[in-house]
PDB file of N, CA and C in Angstrom:
ATOM      1  N   MET A   1       0.673  -1.207  -0.105  1.00  0.00           N
ATOM      2  CA  MET A   1       0.269   0.001  -0.079  1.00  0.00           C
ATOM      3  C   MET A   1       1.065   1.235  -0.191  1.00  0.00           C
ATOM      4  N   LYS A   2       0.648   2.488  -0.862  1.00  0.00           N
ATOM      5  CA  LYS A   2       1.018   3.939  -0.982  1.00  0.00           C
ATOM      6  C   LYS A   2       1.602   4.463   0.671  1.00  0.00           C
ATOM      7  N   LYS A   3       1.886   4.930   1.130  1.00  0.00           N
ATOM      8  CA  LYS A   3       2.854   5.544   2.019  1.00  0.00           C
ATOM      9  C   LYS A   3       1.242   7.016   2.160  1.00  0.00           C
ATOM     10  N   PHE A   4       0.613   6.652   3.297  1.00  0.00           N
ATOM     11  CA  PHE A   4      -0.120   7.321   3.513  1.00  0.00           C
ATOM     12  C   PHE A   4       0.323   9.442   2.943  1.00  0.00           C
ATOM     13  N   ASN A   5      -0.396  10.001   2.717  1.00  0.00           N
ATOM     14  CA  ASN A   5       0.271  11.316   2.904  1.00  0.00           C
ATOM     15  C   ASN A   5      -0.741  12.227   3.288  1.00  0.00           C
ATOM     16  N   TYR A   6      -0.660  12.991   3.964  1.00  0.00           N
ATOM     17  CA  TYR A   6      -2.560  13.803   4.724  1.00  0.00           C
ATOM     18  C   TYR A   6      -2.471  14.531   3.981  1.00  0.00           C
ATOM     19  N   GLU A   7      -1.717  15.992   3.418  1.00  0.00           N
ATOM     20  CA  GLU A   7      -2.048  16.506   2.565  1.00  0.00           C
ATOM     21  C   GLU A   7      -2.675  16.387   1.156  1.00  0.00           C
ATOM     22  N   GLU A   8      -2.090  15.024   0.976  1.00  0.00           N
ATOM     23  CA  GLU A   8      -2.377  14.474  -0.279  1.00  0.00           C
ATOM     24  C   GLU A   8      -4.220  13.635  -0.254  1.00  0.00           C
ATOM     25  N   ALA A   9      -4.034  13.348   0.774  1.00  0.00           N
ATOM     26  CA  ALA A   9      -5.371  12.958   0.839  1.00  0.00           C
ATOM     27  C   ALA A   9      -7.082  14.019   0.928  1.00  0.00           C
ATOM     28  N   VAL A  10      -6.558  15.107   1.672  1.00  0.00           N
ATOM     29  CA  VAL A  10      -7.240  16.335   1.920  1.00  0.00           C
ATOM     30  C   VAL A  10      -7.369  16.858   0.719  1.00  0.00           C
ATOM     31  N   ALA A  11      -6.564  16.774   0.018  1.00  0.00           N
ATOM     32  CA  ALA A  11      -6.597  17.728  -1.442  1.00  0.00           C
ATOM     33  C   ALA A  11      -7.865  16.737  -1.674  1.00  0.00           C
ATOM     34  N   GLN A  12      -7.648  15.863  -2.419  1.00  0.00           N
ATOM     35  CA  GLN A  12      -8.618  14.438  -2.299  1.00  0.00           C
ATOM     36  C   GLN A  12     -10.065  14.960  -2.339  1.00  0.00           C
ATOM     37  N   ILE A  13     -10.207  14.741  -0.943  1.00  0.00           N
ATOM     38  CA  ILE A  13     -11.428  15.355  -0.351  1.00  0.00           C
ATOM     39  C   ILE A  13     -11.886  16.110  -0.943  1.00  0.00           C
ATOM     40  N   GLU A  14     -11.157  17.061  -0.948  1.00  0.00           N
ATOM     41  CA  GLU A  14     -11.854  18.790  -1.596  1.00  0.00           C
ATOM     42  C   GLU A  14     -12.092  18.889  -2.811  1.00  0.00           C
ATOM     43  N   THR A  15     -11.517  17.775  -3.439  1.00  0.00           N
ATOM     44  CA  THR A  15     -11.899  17.636  -5.297  1.00  0.00           C
ATOM     45  C   THR A  15     -13.315  16.796  -5.275  1.00  0.00           C
ATOM     46  N   ILE A  16     -13.692  15.623  -4.514  1.00  0.00           N
ATOM     47  CA  ILE A  16     -14.514  15.280  -4.215  1.00  0.00           C
ATOM     48  C   ILE A  16     -15.754  16.073  -4.189  1.00  0.00           C
ATOM     49  N   VAL A  17     -15.379  16.803  -2.519  1.00  0.00           N
ATOM     50  CA  VAL A  17     -16.357  17.566  -2.736  1.00  0.00           C
ATOM     51  C   VAL A  17     -16.887  19.083  -3.604  1.00  0.00           C
ATOM     52  N   ARG A  18     -16.054  19.414  -3.842  1.00  0.00           N
ATOM     53  CA  ARG A  18     -16.301  20.434  -5.281  1.00  0.00           C
ATOM     54  C   ARG A  18     -17.015  19.910  -6.549  1.00  0.00           C
ATOM     55  N   LYS A  19     -16.902  18.222  -6.557  1.00  0.00           N
ATOM     56  CA  LYS A  19     -17.309  17.191  -8.268  1.00  0.00           C
ATOM     57  C   LYS A  19     -18.675  17.842  -7.406  1.00  0.00           C
ATOM     58  N   MET A  20     -19.137  17.251  -6.197  1.00  0.00           N
ATOM     59  CA  MET A  20     -20.340  17.224  -5.744  1.00  0.00           C
ATOM     60  C   MET A  20     -20.997  18.265  -5.885  1.00  0.00           C
ATOM     61  N   GLU A  21     -20.239  18.828  -5.193  1.00  0.00           N
ATOM     62  CA  GLU A  21     -20.942  20.639  -5.139  1.00  0.00           C
ATOM     63  C   GLU A  21     -21.047  21.289  -6.292  1.00  0.00           C
ATOM     64  N   ASN A  22     -20.737  21.165  -7.703  1.00  0.00           N
ATOM     65  CA  ASN A  22     -20.591  21.199  -8.835  1.00  0.00           C
ATOM     66  C   ASN A  22     -21.915  20.326  -9.776  1.00  0.00           C
ATOM     67  N   ASP A  23     -22.158  19.526  -9.037  1.00  0.00           N
ATOM     68  CA  ASP A  23     -23.480  18.303  -9.907  1.00  0.00           C
ATOM     69  C   ASP A  23     -22.463  17.558 -10.855  1.00  0.00           C
ATOM     70  N   GLN A  24     -21.327  17.270 -10.904  1.00  0.00           N
ATOM     71  CA  GLN A  24     -20.401  16.619 -11.754  1.00  0.00           C
ATOM     72  C   GLN A  24     -20.035  14.975 -11.574  1.00  0.00           C
ATOM     73  N   LEU A  25     -20.917  14.086 -10.434  1.00  0.00           N
ATOM     74  CA  LEU A  25     -21.003  13.220 -10.126  1.00  0.00           C
ATOM     75  C   LEU A  25     -22.632  12.780 -10.444  1.00  0.00           C
ATOM     76  N   ASP A  26     -22.642  11.568 -11.164  1.00  0.00           N
ATOM     77  CA  ASP A  26     -24.072  10.848 -11.644  1.00  0.00           C
ATOM     78  C   ASP A  26     -23.758  10.057 -10.211  1.00  0.00           C
ATOM     79  N   VAL A  27     -25.364   9.311  -9.845  1.00  0.00           N
ATOM     80  CA  VAL A  27     -25.564   9.001  -8.866  1.00  0.00           C
ATOM     81  C   VAL A  27     -24.506   8.047  -8.581  1.00  0.00           C
ATOM     82  N   ASP A  28     -24.183   6.900  -9.340  1.00  0.00           N
ATOM     83  CA  ASP A  28     -23.364   5.862  -9.167  1.00  0.00           C
ATOM     84  C   ASP A  28     -21.878   6.632  -9.092  1.00  0.00           C
ATOM     85  N   SER A  29     -21.657   7.068  -9.585  1.00  0.00           N
ATOM     86  CA  SER A  29     -20.417   7.839  -9.207  1.00  0.00           C
ATOM     87  C   SER A  29     -20.184   8.252  -7.945  1.00  0.00           C
ATOM     88  N   MET A  30     -21.316   9.274  -7.138  1.00  0.00           N
ATOM     89  CA  MET A  30     -21.604   9.570  -6.432  1.00  0.00           C
ATOM     90  C   MET A  30     -21.305   8.816  -5.183  1.00  0.00           C
ATOM     91  N   THR A  31     -21.774   7.954  -5.244  1.00  0.00           N
ATOM     92  CA  THR A  31     -21.676   6.852  -4.251  1.00  0.00           C
ATOM     93  C   THR A  31     -20.220   5.994  -3.730  1.00  0.00           C
ATOM     94  N   GLU A  32     -19.147   6.001  -5.131  1.00  0.00           N
ATOM     95  CA  GLU A  32     -18.253   5.467  -4.645  1.00  0.00           C
ATOM     96  C   GLU A  32     -17.227   6.125  -4.482  1.00  0.00           C
ATOM     97  N   GLN A  33     -17.580   7.728  -5.156  1.00  0.00           N
ATOM     98  CA  GLN A  33     -16.628   8.931  -4.086  1.00  0.00           C
ATOM     99  C   GLN A  33     -16.950   9.012  -2.507  1.00  0.00           C
ATOM    100  N   LEU A  34     -18.294   8.821  -1.990  1.00  0.00           N
ATOM    101  CA  LEU A  34     -18.581   9.524  -1.341  1.00  0.00           C
ATOM    102  C   LEU A  34     -17.660   8.118  -0.207  1.00  0.00           C
ATOM    103  N   LYS A  35     -17.400   6.872  -1.140  1.00  0.00           N
ATOM    104  CA  LYS A  35     -16.798   5.714   0.191  1.00  0.00           C
ATOM    105  C   LYS A  35     -15.603   6.090   0.067  1.00  0.00           C
ATOM    106  N   LYS A  36     -14.894   6.994  -1.326  1.00  0.00           N
ATOM    107  CA  LYS A  36     -13.080   7.067  -1.022  1.00  0.00           C
ATOM    108  C   LYS A  36     -13.426   8.611  -0.311  1.00  0.00           C
ATOM    109  N   ALA A  37     -14.628   8.916   0.144  1.00  0.00           N
ATOM    110  CA  ALA A  37     -13.827  10.518   0.869  1.00  0.00           C
ATOM    111  C   ALA A  37     -13.951   9.516   2.373  1.00  0.00           C
ATOM    112  N   GLN A  38     -14.935   8.888   2.588  1.00  0.00           N
ATOM    113  CA  GLN A  38     -14.827   8.112   3.671  1.00  0.00           C
ATOM    114  C   GLN A  38     -13.860   7.389   4.228  1.00  0.00           C
ATOM    115  N   GLU A  39     -13.516   6.621   4.058  1.00  0.00           N
ATOM    116  CA  GLU A  39     -12.101   5.745   4.069  1.00  0.00           C
ATOM    117  C   GLU A  39     -11.090   6.805   4.203  1.00  0.00           C
ATOM    118  N   LEU A  40     -10.999   8.437   3.210  1.00  0.00           N
ATOM    119  CA  LEU A  40      -9.792   9.054   3.159  1.00  0.00           C
ATOM    120  C   LEU A  40      -9.973   9.448   5.130  1.00  0.00           C
ATOM    121  N   ILE A  41     -11.552  10.159   5.007  1.00  0.00           N
ATOM    122  CA  ILE A  41     -11.604  11.214   6.354  1.00  0.00           C
ATOM    123  C   ILE A  41     -11.451   9.959   7.501  1.00  0.00           C
ATOM    124  N   ARG A  42     -11.000   8.951   7.501  1.00  0.00           N
ATOM    125  CA  ARG A  42     -11.005   7.681   8.185  1.00  0.00           C
ATOM    126  C   ARG A  42      -9.147   8.276   8.478  1.00  0.00           C
ATOM    127  N   LEU A  43      -8.814   8.104   7.505  1.00  0.00           N
ATOM    128  CA  LEU A  43      -7.096   7.863   7.843  1.00  0.00           C
ATOM    129  C   LEU A  43      -7.293   9.071   8.350  1.00  0.00           C
ATOM    130  N   CYS A  44      -7.165  10.524   7.962  1.00  0.00           N
ATOM    131  CA  CYS A  44      -7.084  11.360   8.397  1.00  0.00           C
ATOM    132  C   CYS A  44      -7.072  12.300   9.588  1.00  0.00           C
ATOM    133  N   LYS A  45      -7.809  11.040  10.366  1.00  0.00           N
ATOM    134  CA  LYS A  45      -8.917  11.388  11.656  1.00  0.00           C
ATOM    135  C   LYS A  45      -7.561  10.630  12.573  1.00  0.00           C
ATOM    136  N   ASP A  46      -6.704   9.536  11.943  1.00  0.00           N
ATOM    137  CA  ASP A  46      -6.282   8.627  12.478  1.00  0.00           C
ATOM    138  C   ASP A  46      -4.765   9.473  12.601  1.00  0.00           C
ATOM    139  N   LYS A  47      -4.205  10.046  11.702  1.00  0.00           N
ATOM    140  CA  LYS A  47      -3.428  10.446  11.381  1.00  0.00           C
ATOM    141  C   LYS A  47      -2.715  11.384  12.554  1.00  0.00           C
ATOM    142  N   LEU A  48      -4.641  12.504  12.583  1.00  0.00           N
ATOM    143  CA  LEU A  48      -4.342  13.580  13.535  1.00  0.00           C
ATOM    144  C   LEU A  48      -3.647  12.581  14.621  1.00  0.00           C
ATOM    145  N   THR A  49      -4.694  12.082  15.215  1.00  0.00           N
ATOM    146  CA  THR A  49      -4.428  11.124  16.386  1.00  0.00           C
ATOM    147  C   THR A  49      -3.247  10.556  16.630  1.00  0.00           C
ATOM    148  N   LYS A  50      -2.561  10.054  16.192  1.00  0.00           N
ATOM    149  CA  LYS A  50      -1.815   9.199  16.572  1.00  0.00           C
ATOM    150  C   LYS A  50      -0.794  10.882  16.560  1.00  0.00           C
ATOM    151  N   THR A  51      -0.521  11.339  15.577  1.00  0.00           N
ATOM    152  CA  THR A  51       0.239  12.454  16.066  1.00  0.00           C
ATOM    153  C   THR A  51       0.318  13.593  16.884  1.00  0.00           C
ATOM    154  N   ASP A  52      -0.996  13.771  17.545  1.00  0.00           N
ATOM    155  CA  ASP A  52      -0.646  14.260  18.823  1.00  0.00           C
ATOM    156  C   ASP A  52      -0.883  13.699  19.843  1.00  0.00           C
ATOM    157  N   GLU A  53      -0.660  12.149  19.795  1.00  0.00           N
ATOM    158  CA  GLU A  53      -0.073  11.449  20.793  1.00  0.00           C
ATOM    159  C   GLU A  53       0.987  11.261  21.119  1.00  0.00           C
ATOM    160  N   GLU A  54       1.940  10.733  19.910  1.00  0.00           N
ATOM    161  CA  GLU A  54       3.486  11.508  19.923  1.00  0.00           C
ATOM    162  C   GLU A  54       4.009  12.366  20.293  1.00  0.00           C
ATOM    163  N   ILE A  55       2.833  13.819  20.107  1.00  0.00           N
ATOM    164  CA  ILE A  55       3.026  15.556  20.335  1.00  0.00           C
ATOM    165  C   ILE A  55       2.782  15.412  22.078  1.00  0.00           C
ATOM    166  N   GLN A  56       2.248  14.632  22.985  1.00  0.00           N
ATOM    167  CA  GLN A  56       1.680  14.776  23.833  1.00  0.00           C
ATOM    168  C   GLN A  56       3.086  13.926  24.678  1.00  0.00           C
ATOM    169  N   LYS A  57       3.038  12.938  24.165  1.00  0.00           N
ATOM    170  CA  LYS A  57       4.519  11.579  24.167  1.00  0.00           C
ATOM    171  C   LYS A  57       5.445  12.820  24.595  1.00  0.00           C
ATOM    172  N   ILE A  58       6.364  13.483  23.624  1.00  0.00           N
ATOM    173  CA  ILE A  58       7.318  14.204  23.421  1.00  0.00           C
ATOM    174  C   ILE A  58       7.217  15.230  24.494  1.00  0.00           C
ATOM    175  N   LEU A  59       5.725  15.985  25.235  1.00  0.00           N
ATOM    176  CA  LEU A  59       6.278  16.878  25.658  1.00  0.00           C
ATOM    177  C   LEU A  59       5.940  16.665  26.919  1.00  0.00           C
ATOM    178  N   GLY A  60       5.796  15.733  27.312  1.00  0.00           N
ATOM    179  CA  GLY A  60       5.580  14.679  28.647  1.00  0.00           C
ATOM    180  C   GLY A  60       7.376  14.364  28.607  1.00  0.00           C
ATOM    181  N   GLU A  61       7.176  14.462  27.585  1.00  0.00           N
ATOM    182  CA  GLU A  61       8.980  13.504  28.552  1.00  0.00           C
ATOM    183  C   GLU A  61       9.963  14.795  28.684  1.00  0.00           C
ATOM    184  N   SER A  62       9.584  16.118  28.208  1.00  0.00           N
ATOM    185  CA  SER A  62      10.724  17.192  27.596  1.00  0.00           C
ATOM    186  C   SER A  62      10.103  18.003  29.105  1.00  0.00           C
ATOM    187  N   GLN A  63       8.995  18.152  29.831  1.00  0.00           N
ATOM    188  CA  GLN A  63       8.413  18.191  30.793  1.00  0.00           C
ATOM    189  C   GLN A  63       9.138  17.420  32.330  1.00  0.00           C
ATOM    190  N   SER A  64       9.099  16.280  32.182  1.00  0.00           N
ATOM    191  CA  SER A  64      10.187  15.610  33.024  1.00  0.00           C
ATOM    192  C   SER A  64      11.403  15.695  33.454  1.00  0.00           C
ATOM    193  N   SER A  65      11.757  15.793  32.017  1.00  0.00           N
ATOM    194  CA  SER A  65      12.980  15.810  32.318  1.00  0.00           C
ATOM    195  C   SER A  65      14.441  17.038  33.246  1.00  0.00           C
TER     196      SER A  65
END
């Protein structure tokens, strides 16, 4: 699997939203794109959560030193 890139995922989500707002998707494509956007959003949330945990750990270590 390709390495997850947060910025690329956000750009893909924005593209999907723009297409939906401009009525550029038919019903079948919309369903597929919504599923893709949902997965990308989940990946982004997971990445942000992990990053936050790492930051908190680093801050905790630096305060206990």
